[in-house]
Amino acid sequence: MNAVVLDSIGKSYSLGAVGVAALCDIDLEIRSGRLTMIAGASGSGKSTLLNLIGCIDRPDSGRLVVAGQDIARLSDDALSDFRVRHLGFVFQNFNLIPVLTAYENVEYPLLLANASKGHRARRVSELLDAVGLADKAKHRPGQLSGGQRQRVAVARALAASPRIVLADEPTANLDSHTGAAIIALMRRLQQEQGVSFVISSHDPQVLAIGDDVVRIADGRIVNVCRGLGEREAA
């Protein structure tokens, strides 16, 4: 089963009076339960691709299916609800709410999903323990290191038990040792919880542990390298 299917996807943006093609004729299947890497230089289109998969933006053309849902069939309100229930996000700048504790930041997606108080307490405690921060539950982001903040962000992304977690350059603001620890944490949680991770990066250390690596340049997929030696030219 595929977590995401992109069929002839195109996306352009306006730069003044000029249209700029960010993605062109993207055909891609992202397999469920995998650690999929989107690799490319700055400006290659990988962040645009991640925004489409994350239902933050809509394609101009083609068909996009995420977690079994044809995105074109959803209204804007339905799309927002779909994101809350099925998708998690990890950002390079952490994007934690500074006035909330680690516990409250992880709890926030569950509040949006109208989860019960008991379920919220169990899930948040479980995730903070899983990322090794049970003793930091009452700390605010300003009291945490960069690696600890990103661990909170990973826990938050998993809070509502999403089918897919998207991470945009999650190690960009971390030193190499801490970045490697964060990626190892994502790998462990992906295996334990069966969630599909889609991670954009240009860091070879990060790309090396992916099950599948999708390389993109100038808005087009140039290669898809599958795990276990399976390769396909795109």
C-alpha atoms as a PDB file:
ATOM      1  CA  MET A   1       0.000   0.000   0.000  1.00  0.00           C
ATOM      2  CA  ASN A   2       1.162   3.522  -0.765  1.00  0.00           C
ATOM      3  CA  ALA A   3       1.086   6.383   1.720  1.00  0.00           C
ATOM      4  CA  VAL A   4       1.124   8.970  -1.067  1.00  0.00           C
ATOM      5  CA  VAL A   5       0.528   8.866  -4.818  1.00  0.00           C
ATOM      6  CA  LEU A   6       1.385  11.809  -7.072  1.00  0.00           C
ATOM      7  CA  ASP A   7       0.225  11.514 -10.678  1.00  0.00           C
ATOM      8  CA  SER A   8       1.414  14.129 -13.208  1.00  0.00           C
ATOM      9  CA  ILE A   9       1.606  16.796 -10.505  1.00  0.00           C
ATOM     10  CA  GLY A  10       2.457  20.371 -11.492  1.00  0.00           C
ATOM     11  CA  LYS A  11       2.807  23.462  -9.339  1.00  0.00           C
ATOM     12  CA  SER A  12       3.684  27.045 -10.289  1.00  0.00           C
ATOM     13  CA  TYR A  13       4.031  30.277  -8.348  1.00  0.00           C
ATOM     14  CA  SER A  14       3.749  33.886  -9.447  1.00  0.00           C
ATOM     15  CA  LEU A  15       6.841  36.041  -9.200  1.00  0.00           C
ATOM     16  CA  GLY A  16       5.446  39.442 -10.051  1.00  0.00           C
ATOM     17  CA  ALA A  17       3.906  39.066 -13.505  1.00  0.00           C
ATOM     18  CA  VAL A  18       5.934  35.950 -14.252  1.00  0.00           C
ATOM     19  CA  GLY A  19       4.882  32.383 -13.503  1.00  0.00           C
ATOM     20  CA  VAL A  20       7.628  30.146 -12.120  1.00  0.00           C
ATOM     21  CA  ALA A  21       7.261  26.380 -12.393  1.00  0.00           C
ATOM     22  CA  ALA A  22       8.204  24.818  -9.049  1.00  0.00           C
ATOM     23  CA  LEU A  23       7.218  21.235  -9.937  1.00  0.00           C
ATOM     24  CA  CYS A  24       6.714  19.677 -13.364  1.00  0.00           C
ATOM     25  CA  ASP A  25       5.009  16.356 -14.177  1.00  0.00           C
ATOM     26  CA  ILE A  26       5.791  14.644 -10.871  1.00  0.00           C
ATOM     27  CA  ASP A  27       4.936  10.935 -10.832  1.00  0.00           C
ATOM     28  CA  LEU A  28       5.776   9.274  -7.535  1.00  0.00           C
ATOM     29  CA  GLU A  29       4.566   6.573  -5.168  1.00  0.00           C
ATOM     30  CA  ILE A  30       5.657   6.863  -1.530  1.00  0.00           C
ATOM     31  CA  ARG A  31       5.336   3.521   0.201  1.00  0.00           C
ATOM     32  CA  SER A  32       3.661   3.105   3.575  1.00  0.00           C
ATOM     33  CA  GLY A  33       5.666   2.378   6.692  1.00  0.00           C
ATOM     34  CA  ARG A  34       8.912   3.614   5.172  1.00  0.00           C
ATOM     35  CA  LEU A  35      11.472   6.324   5.863  1.00  0.00           C
ATOM     36  CA  THR A  36      11.415   8.216   2.563  1.00  0.00           C
ATOM     37  CA  MET A  37      13.964  10.949   1.860  1.00  0.00           C
ATOM     38  CA  ILE A  38      13.387  13.823  -0.562  1.00  0.00           C
ATOM     39  CA  ALA A  39      16.849  14.962  -1.654  1.00  0.00           C
ATOM     40  CA  GLY A  40      17.773  18.079  -3.577  1.00  0.00           C
ATOM     41  CA  ALA A  41      19.625  21.355  -3.497  1.00  0.00           C
ATOM     42  CA  SER A  42      18.040  24.598  -2.328  1.00  0.00           C
ATOM     43  CA  GLY A  43      15.465  25.677  -4.898  1.00  0.00           C
ATOM     44  CA  SER A  44      15.086  22.188  -6.366  1.00  0.00           C
ATOM     45  CA  GLY A  45      11.407  21.961  -5.416  1.00  0.00           C
ATOM     46  CA  LYS A  46      11.671  19.582  -2.465  1.00  0.00           C
ATOM     47  CA  SER A  47       9.961  21.953  -0.008  1.00  0.00           C
ATOM     48  CA  THR A  48       7.154  22.562  -2.510  1.00  0.00           C
ATOM     49  CA  LEU A  49       6.750  18.813  -2.882  1.00  0.00           C
ATOM     50  CA  LEU A  50       6.591  18.414   0.895  1.00  0.00           C
ATOM     51  CA  ASN A  51       3.992  21.212   1.146  1.00  0.00           C
ATOM     52  CA  LEU A  52       1.778  19.416  -1.369  1.00  0.00           C
ATOM     53  CA  ILE A  53       2.099  16.060   0.387  1.00  0.00           C
ATOM     54  CA  GLY A  54       1.340  17.835   3.668  1.00  0.00           C
ATOM     55  CA  CYS A  55      -1.812  19.378   2.152  1.00  0.00           C
ATOM     56  CA  ILE A  56      -0.520  22.846   3.027  1.00  0.00           C
ATOM     57  CA  ASP A  57      -0.824  23.745  -0.653  1.00  0.00           C
ATOM     58  CA  ARG A  58      -2.752  22.300  -3.578  1.00  0.00           C
ATOM     59  CA  PRO A  59      -1.304  21.264  -6.970  1.00  0.00           C
ATOM     60  CA  ASP A  60      -2.202  23.196 -10.106  1.00  0.00           C
ATOM     61  CA  SER A  61      -2.507  20.004 -12.123  1.00  0.00           C
ATOM     62  CA  GLY A  62      -2.445  16.254 -11.688  1.00  0.00           C
ATOM     63  CA  ARG A  63      -3.876  13.942  -9.056  1.00  0.00           C
ATOM     64  CA  LEU A  64      -2.679  13.772  -5.437  1.00  0.00           C
ATOM     65  CA  VAL A  65      -3.739  10.980  -3.072  1.00  0.00           C
ATOM     66  CA  VAL A  66      -2.562  11.191   0.552  1.00  0.00           C
ATOM     67  CA  ALA A  67      -3.346   8.442   3.085  1.00  0.00           C
ATOM     68  CA  GLY A  68      -5.930   7.067   0.663  1.00  0.00           C
ATOM     69  CA  GLN A  69      -7.707  10.413   0.193  1.00  0.00           C
ATOM     70  CA  ASP A  70      -7.985  12.186  -3.169  1.00  0.00           C
ATOM     71  CA  ILE A  71      -7.095  15.688  -2.002  1.00  0.00           C
ATOM     72  CA  ALA A  72      -8.984  17.419  -4.816  1.00  0.00           C
ATOM     73  CA  ARG A  73     -12.259  16.124  -3.360  1.00  0.00           C
ATOM     74  CA  LEU A  74     -11.822  17.980  -0.056  1.00  0.00           C
ATOM     75  CA  SER A  75     -13.007  21.505   0.723  1.00  0.00           C
ATOM     76  CA  ASP A  76     -10.596  23.820   2.526  1.00  0.00           C
ATOM     77  CA  ASP A  77     -12.280  23.091   5.874  1.00  0.00           C
ATOM     78  CA  ALA A  78     -12.244  19.352   5.246  1.00  0.00           C
ATOM     79  CA  LEU A  79      -8.592  19.583   4.233  1.00  0.00           C
ATOM     80  CA  SER A  80      -7.720  21.308   7.516  1.00  0.00           C
ATOM     81  CA  ASP A  81      -9.469  18.547   9.456  1.00  0.00           C
ATOM     82  CA  PHE A  82      -7.693  15.919   7.356  1.00  0.00           C
ATOM     83  CA  ARG A  83      -4.286  17.433   8.216  1.00  0.00           C
ATOM     84  CA  VAL A  84      -5.056  17.404  11.942  1.00  0.00           C
ATOM     85  CA  ARG A  85      -6.140  13.764  11.924  1.00  0.00           C
ATOM     86  CA  HIS A  86      -3.739  12.140   9.466  1.00  0.00           C
ATOM     87  CA  LEU A  87      -0.566  14.234   9.166  1.00  0.00           C
ATOM     88  CA  GLY A  88       2.216  15.307  11.510  1.00  0.00           C
ATOM     89  CA  PHE A  89       4.892  17.933  10.880  1.00  0.00           C
ATOM     90  CA  VAL A  90       8.468  18.505  12.069  1.00  0.00           C
ATOM     91  CA  PHE A  91      10.155  21.803  11.107  1.00  0.00           C
ATOM     92  CA  GLN A  92      13.807  22.824  11.026  1.00  0.00           C
ATOM     93  CA  ASN A  93      13.048  25.790  13.317  1.00  0.00           C
ATOM     94  CA  PHE A  94      11.107  23.532  15.740  1.00  0.00           C
ATOM     95  CA  ASN A  95       8.005  25.827  15.675  1.00  0.00           C
ATOM     96  CA  LEU A  96       7.168  25.124  19.301  1.00  0.00           C
ATOM     97  CA  ILE A  97       4.838  27.550  21.093  1.00  0.00           C
ATOM     98  CA  PRO A  98       7.204  29.404  23.449  1.00  0.00           C
ATOM     99  CA  VAL A  99       4.701  30.066  26.253  1.00  0.00           C
ATOM    100  CA  LEU A 100       3.691  26.398  26.499  1.00  0.00           C
ATOM    101  CA  THR A 101       5.582  23.655  28.309  1.00  0.00           C
ATOM    102  CA  ALA A 102       6.924  20.596  26.519  1.00  0.00           C
ATOM    103  CA  TYR A 103       3.864  18.687  27.754  1.00  0.00           C
ATOM    104  CA  GLU A 104       1.477  21.359  26.469  1.00  0.00           C
ATOM    105  CA  ASN A 105       3.215  21.580  23.087  1.00  0.00           C
ATOM    106  CA  VAL A 106       2.839  17.832  22.572  1.00  0.00           C
ATOM    107  CA  GLU A 107      -0.744  17.976  23.817  1.00  0.00           C
ATOM    108  CA  TYR A 108      -1.743  20.759  21.410  1.00  0.00           C
ATOM    109  CA  PRO A 109      -2.569  18.576  18.341  1.00  0.00           C
ATOM    110  CA  LEU A 110      -4.721  16.377  20.575  1.00  0.00           C
ATOM    111  CA  LEU A 111      -6.699  19.418  21.702  1.00  0.00           C
ATOM    112  CA  LEU A 112      -7.276  20.291  18.028  1.00  0.00           C
ATOM    113  CA  ALA A 113      -8.484  16.726  17.469  1.00  0.00           C
ATOM    114  CA  ASN A 114     -10.894  17.000  20.441  1.00  0.00           C
ATOM    115  CA  ALA A 115      -9.272  14.059  22.228  1.00  0.00           C
ATOM    116  CA  SER A 116     -10.459  13.337  25.764  1.00  0.00           C
ATOM    117  CA  LYS A 117      -8.445  14.546  28.744  1.00  0.00           C
ATOM    118  CA  GLY A 118      -7.559  10.995  29.744  1.00  0.00           C
ATOM    119  CA  HIS A 119      -6.373  10.077  26.263  1.00  0.00           C
ATOM    120  CA  ARG A 120      -4.322  13.291  26.058  1.00  0.00           C
ATOM    121  CA  ALA A 121      -2.596  12.570  29.369  1.00  0.00           C
ATOM    122  CA  ARG A 122      -1.729   8.991  28.395  1.00  0.00           C
ATOM    123  CA  ARG A 123      -0.539   9.855  24.894  1.00  0.00           C
ATOM    124  CA  VAL A 124       1.594  12.844  25.900  1.00  0.00           C
ATOM    125  CA  SER A 125       3.251  10.943  28.740  1.00  0.00           C
ATOM    126  CA  GLU A 126       3.914   7.980  26.428  1.00  0.00           C
ATOM    127  CA  LEU A 127       5.537  10.168  23.775  1.00  0.00           C
ATOM    128  CA  LEU A 128       7.644  12.281  26.118  1.00  0.00           C
ATOM    129  CA  ASP A 129       8.935   9.047  27.598  1.00  0.00           C
ATOM    130  CA  ALA A 130       9.607   7.665  24.099  1.00  0.00           C
ATOM    131  CA  VAL A 131      11.747  10.683  23.145  1.00  0.00           C
ATOM    132  CA  GLY A 132      13.555  10.664  26.482  1.00  0.00           C
ATOM    133  CA  LEU A 133      12.075  13.866  27.877  1.00  0.00           C
ATOM    134  CA  ALA A 134       9.688  12.700  30.578  1.00  0.00           C
ATOM    135  CA  ASP A 135      11.687  14.728  33.092  1.00  0.00           C
ATOM    136  CA  LYS A 136      11.373  17.891  30.972  1.00  0.00           C
ATOM    137  CA  ALA A 137       7.556  17.902  30.711  1.00  0.00           C
ATOM    138  CA  LYS A 138       7.196  21.195  32.597  1.00  0.00           C
ATOM    139  CA  HIS A 139      10.034  22.984  30.784  1.00  0.00           C
ATOM    140  CA  ARG A 140       9.271  25.645  28.196  1.00  0.00           C
ATOM    141  CA  PRO A 141      11.178  25.678  24.879  1.00  0.00           C
ATOM    142  CA  GLY A 142      13.502  28.438  26.087  1.00  0.00           C
ATOM    143  CA  GLN A 143      14.707  26.087  28.823  1.00  0.00           C
ATOM    144  CA  LEU A 144      15.587  23.296  26.388  1.00  0.00           C
ATOM    145  CA  SER A 145      18.547  22.678  24.085  1.00  0.00           C
ATOM    146  CA  GLY A 146      18.088  22.559  20.305  1.00  0.00           C
ATOM    147  CA  GLY A 147      18.122  18.773  20.291  1.00  0.00           C
ATOM    148  CA  GLN A 148      15.590  18.625  23.113  1.00  0.00           C
ATOM    149  CA  ARG A 149      13.311  21.070  21.292  1.00  0.00           C
ATOM    150  CA  GLN A 150      13.421  18.924  18.178  1.00  0.00           C
ATOM    151  CA  ARG A 151      12.606  15.845  20.269  1.00  0.00           C
ATOM    152  CA  VAL A 152       9.540  17.678  21.583  1.00  0.00           C
ATOM    153  CA  ALA A 153       8.658  18.558  17.974  1.00  0.00           C
ATOM    154  CA  VAL A 154       8.908  14.898  16.945  1.00  0.00           C
ATOM    155  CA  ALA A 155       6.697  13.888  19.870  1.00  0.00           C
ATOM    156  CA  ARG A 156       4.181  16.579  18.924  1.00  0.00           C
ATOM    157  CA  ALA A 157       4.138  15.366  15.300  1.00  0.00           C
ATOM    158  CA  LEU A 158       3.201  11.873  16.497  1.00  0.00           C
ATOM    159  CA  ALA A 159       0.668  12.966  19.123  1.00  0.00           C
ATOM    160  CA  ALA A 160      -2.504  12.449  17.114  1.00  0.00           C
ATOM    161  CA  SER A 161      -1.272   9.079  15.736  1.00  0.00           C
ATOM    162  CA  PRO A 162      -0.909  10.357  12.147  1.00  0.00           C
ATOM    163  CA  ARG A 163      -0.417   8.021   9.223  1.00  0.00           C
ATOM    164  CA  ILE A 164       2.305  10.246   7.753  1.00  0.00           C
ATOM    165  CA  VAL A 165       4.883  12.549   9.363  1.00  0.00           C
ATOM    166  CA  LEU A 166       6.626  15.134   7.191  1.00  0.00           C
ATOM    167  CA  ALA A 167       9.924  16.690   8.241  1.00  0.00           C
ATOM    168  CA  ASP A 168      11.445  19.638   6.355  1.00  0.00           C
ATOM    169  CA  GLU A 169      15.221  19.751   6.946  1.00  0.00           C
ATOM    170  CA  PRO A 170      14.780  18.610  10.571  1.00  0.00           C
ATOM    171  CA  THR A 171      18.521  18.609  11.319  1.00  0.00           C
ATOM    172  CA  ALA A 172      19.455  21.873   9.581  1.00  0.00           C
ATOM    173  CA  ASN A 173      19.793  23.859  12.816  1.00  0.00           C
ATOM    174  CA  LEU A 174      21.491  21.112  14.814  1.00  0.00           C
ATOM    175  CA  ASP A 175      25.114  20.015  15.103  1.00  0.00           C
ATOM    176  CA  SER A 176      26.011  16.759  13.339  1.00  0.00           C
ATOM    177  CA  HIS A 177      25.955  14.623  16.499  1.00  0.00           C
ATOM    178  CA  THR A 178      22.557  15.926  17.633  1.00  0.00           C
ATOM    179  CA  GLY A 179      21.189  15.705  14.103  1.00  0.00           C
ATOM    180  CA  ALA A 180      22.207  12.060  13.860  1.00  0.00           C
ATOM    181  CA  ALA A 181      20.484  11.371  17.188  1.00  0.00           C
ATOM    182  CA  ILE A 182      17.255  13.004  15.960  1.00  0.00           C
ATOM    183  CA  ILE A 183      17.236  10.951  12.757  1.00  0.00           C
ATOM    184  CA  ALA A 184      17.919   7.776  14.749  1.00  0.00           C
ATOM    185  CA  LEU A 185      14.981   8.704  16.998  1.00  0.00           C
ATOM    186  CA  MET A 186      12.720   9.149  13.967  1.00  0.00           C
ATOM    187  CA  ARG A 187      13.823   5.772  12.634  1.00  0.00           C
ATOM    188  CA  ARG A 188      13.062   4.056  15.949  1.00  0.00           C
ATOM    189  CA  LEU A 189       9.656   5.691  16.315  1.00  0.00           C
ATOM    190  CA  GLN A 190       8.808   4.948  12.681  1.00  0.00           C
ATOM    191  CA  GLN A 191       9.502   1.271  13.292  1.00  0.00           C
ATOM    192  CA  GLU A 192       7.713   1.142  16.652  1.00  0.00           C
ATOM    193  CA  GLN A 193       4.600   3.046  15.606  1.00  0.00           C
ATOM    194  CA  GLY A 194       4.344   2.040  11.931  1.00  0.00           C
ATOM    195  CA  VAL A 195       4.083   5.624  10.727  1.00  0.00           C
ATOM    196  CA  SER A 196       5.419   6.744   7.340  1.00  0.00           C
ATOM    197  CA  PHE A 197       8.093   9.446   7.511  1.00  0.00           C
ATOM    198  CA  VAL A 198       8.832  11.733   4.555  1.00  0.00           C
ATOM    199  CA  ILE A 199      11.935  13.833   5.190  1.00  0.00           C
ATOM    200  CA  SER A 200      13.496  16.513   2.992  1.00  0.00           C
ATOM    201  CA  SER A 201      17.243  16.984   3.296  1.00  0.00           C
ATOM    202  CA  HIS A 202      20.470  17.532   1.416  1.00  0.00           C
ATOM    203  CA  ASP A 203      22.607  16.111   4.254  1.00  0.00           C
ATOM    204  CA  PRO A 204      24.336  12.847   3.151  1.00  0.00           C
ATOM    205  CA  GLN A 205      24.344  11.617   6.756  1.00  0.00           C
ATOM    206  CA  VAL A 206      20.556  11.918   6.853  1.00  0.00           C
ATOM    207  CA  LEU A 207      19.956  10.500   3.378  1.00  0.00           C
ATOM    208  CA  ALA A 208      22.088   7.441   4.126  1.00  0.00           C
ATOM    209  CA  ILE A 209      19.540   5.926   6.515  1.00  0.00           C
ATOM    210  CA  GLY A 210      16.478   6.310   4.270  1.00  0.00           C
ATOM    211  CA  ASP A 211      14.574   3.276   3.017  1.00  0.00           C
ATOM    212  CA  ASP A 212      13.810   5.136  -0.202  1.00  0.00           C
ATOM    213  CA  VAL A 213      15.542   8.234  -1.575  1.00  0.00           C
ATOM    214  CA  VAL A 214      13.814  10.498  -4.105  1.00  0.00           C
ATOM    215  CA  ARG A 215      16.168  12.942  -5.830  1.00  0.00           C
ATOM    216  CA  ILE A 216      14.703  16.104  -7.297  1.00  0.00           C
ATOM    217  CA  ALA A 217      16.289  18.874  -9.382  1.00  0.00           C
ATOM    218  CA  ASP A 218      14.729  21.850 -11.155  1.00  0.00           C
ATOM    219  CA  GLY A 219      11.250  20.733 -10.175  1.00  0.00           C
ATOM    220  CA  ARG A 220      11.571  17.244 -11.638  1.00  0.00           C
ATOM    221  CA  ILE A 221      12.311  13.848 -10.148  1.00  0.00           C
ATOM    222  CA  VAL A 222      15.628  12.640 -11.540  1.00  0.00           C
ATOM    223  CA  ASN A 223      15.966   9.354  -9.652  1.00  0.00           C
ATOM    224  CA  VAL A 224      14.194   7.126  -7.143  1.00  0.00           C
ATOM    225  CA  CYS A 225      16.393   4.737  -5.195  1.00  0.00           C
ATOM    226  CA  ARG A 226      14.380   2.069  -3.380  1.00  0.00           C
ATOM    227  CA  GLY A 227      15.604   0.047  -0.439  1.00  0.00           C
ATOM    228  CA  LEU A 228      17.096  -3.410  -0.806  1.00  0.00           C
ATOM    229  CA  GLY A 229      18.844  -2.389  -4.010  1.00  0.00           C
ATOM    230  CA  GLU A 230      15.674  -1.765  -5.996  1.00  0.00           C
ATOM    231  CA  ARG A 231      16.168   1.186  -8.312  1.00  0.00           C
ATOM    232  CA  GLU A 232      13.950   2.873 -10.845  1.00  0.00           C
ATOM    233  CA  ALA A 233      14.630   5.729 -13.184  1.00  0.00           C
ATOM    234  CA  ALA A 234      11.992   8.417 -12.949  1.00  0.00           C
END
